[in-house]
Amino acid sequence: GLLAAAARVVAGVHYPHDVVAGLFLGMATTAAVVVLLTPAVRRPVGPSRDRCAPGRPAH
């Protein structure tokens, strides 16, 4: 990504501050998504998890 951003600055398509602003916007978006989704991923599954375990007989 950084190489592509540098190439766009060299080609004159973007100014350096555009690329830096995009970098910070991308980092902020990624951090927000991680913060919002981490509790959902770490949530315990509950008793139904044991029923689906491989090698366990069905009840």
Protein backbone atom coordinates (compact mmCIF):
# COMPACT_ATOMS: atom_id res chain seq x y z
CA GLY A 1 0.00 0.00 0.00
CA LEU A 2 2.77 2.42 0.86
CA LEU A 3 4.55 1.72 -2.42
CA ALA A 4 1.35 2.42 -4.36
CA ALA A 5 0.80 5.63 -2.39
CA ALA A 6 4.37 6.76 -3.08
CA ALA A 7 3.96 5.96 -6.78
CA ARG A 8 0.81 8.10 -6.94
CA VAL A 9 2.67 11.02 -5.37
CA VAL A 10 5.56 10.60 -7.81
CA ALA A 11 3.11 10.40 -10.72
CA GLY A 12 1.53 13.66 -9.57
CA VAL A 13 -1.90 12.12 -9.01
CA HIS A 14 -1.94 13.00 -5.27
CA TYR A 15 -0.17 15.43 -3.01
CA PRO A 16 1.86 13.99 -0.12
CA HIS A 17 -0.58 15.37 2.46
CA ASP A 18 -3.43 13.54 0.67
CA VAL A 19 -1.58 10.25 1.09
CA VAL A 20 -0.77 10.93 4.76
CA ALA A 21 -4.40 11.89 5.45
CA GLY A 22 -5.57 8.68 3.78
CA LEU A 23 -3.10 6.67 5.85
CA PHE A 24 -4.43 8.16 9.10
CA LEU A 25 -8.04 7.73 7.99
CA GLY A 26 -7.39 4.07 7.20
CA MET A 27 -5.66 3.48 10.53
CA ALA A 28 -8.50 5.17 12.45
CA THR A 29 -11.12 3.12 10.59
CA THR A 30 -9.23 -0.12 11.23
CA ALA A 31 -8.85 0.69 14.93
CA ALA A 32 -12.56 1.50 15.26
CA VAL A 33 -13.59 -1.75 13.57
CA VAL A 34 -11.26 -3.78 15.81
CA VAL A 35 -12.57 -2.08 18.95
CA LEU A 36 -16.20 -2.61 17.92
CA LEU A 37 -15.86 -6.24 16.79
CA THR A 38 -13.51 -7.61 19.47
CA PRO A 39 -16.27 -8.12 22.10
CA ALA A 40 -18.38 -10.06 19.58
CA VAL A 41 -15.49 -12.38 18.77
CA ARG A 42 -14.54 -12.98 22.41
CA ARG A 43 -18.12 -13.64 23.53
CA PRO A 44 -18.46 -17.10 25.06
CA VAL A 45 -20.42 -19.53 22.95
CA GLY A 46 -22.33 -21.36 25.68
CA PRO A 47 -23.49 -24.95 26.21
CA SER A 48 -24.38 -25.64 22.57
CA ARG A 49 -20.65 -25.66 21.83
CA ASP A 50 -20.21 -29.04 23.57
CA ARG A 51 -22.94 -30.70 21.51
CA CYS A 52 -21.14 -29.90 18.29
CA ALA A 53 -17.71 -31.03 19.41
CA PRO A 54 -16.19 -33.62 17.07
CA GLY A 55 -16.04 -37.14 18.45
CA ARG A 56 -18.85 -36.63 20.96
CA PRO A 57 -21.97 -38.76 20.66
CA ALA A 58 -25.21 -36.95 19.88
CA HIS A 59 -27.79 -36.84 22.67
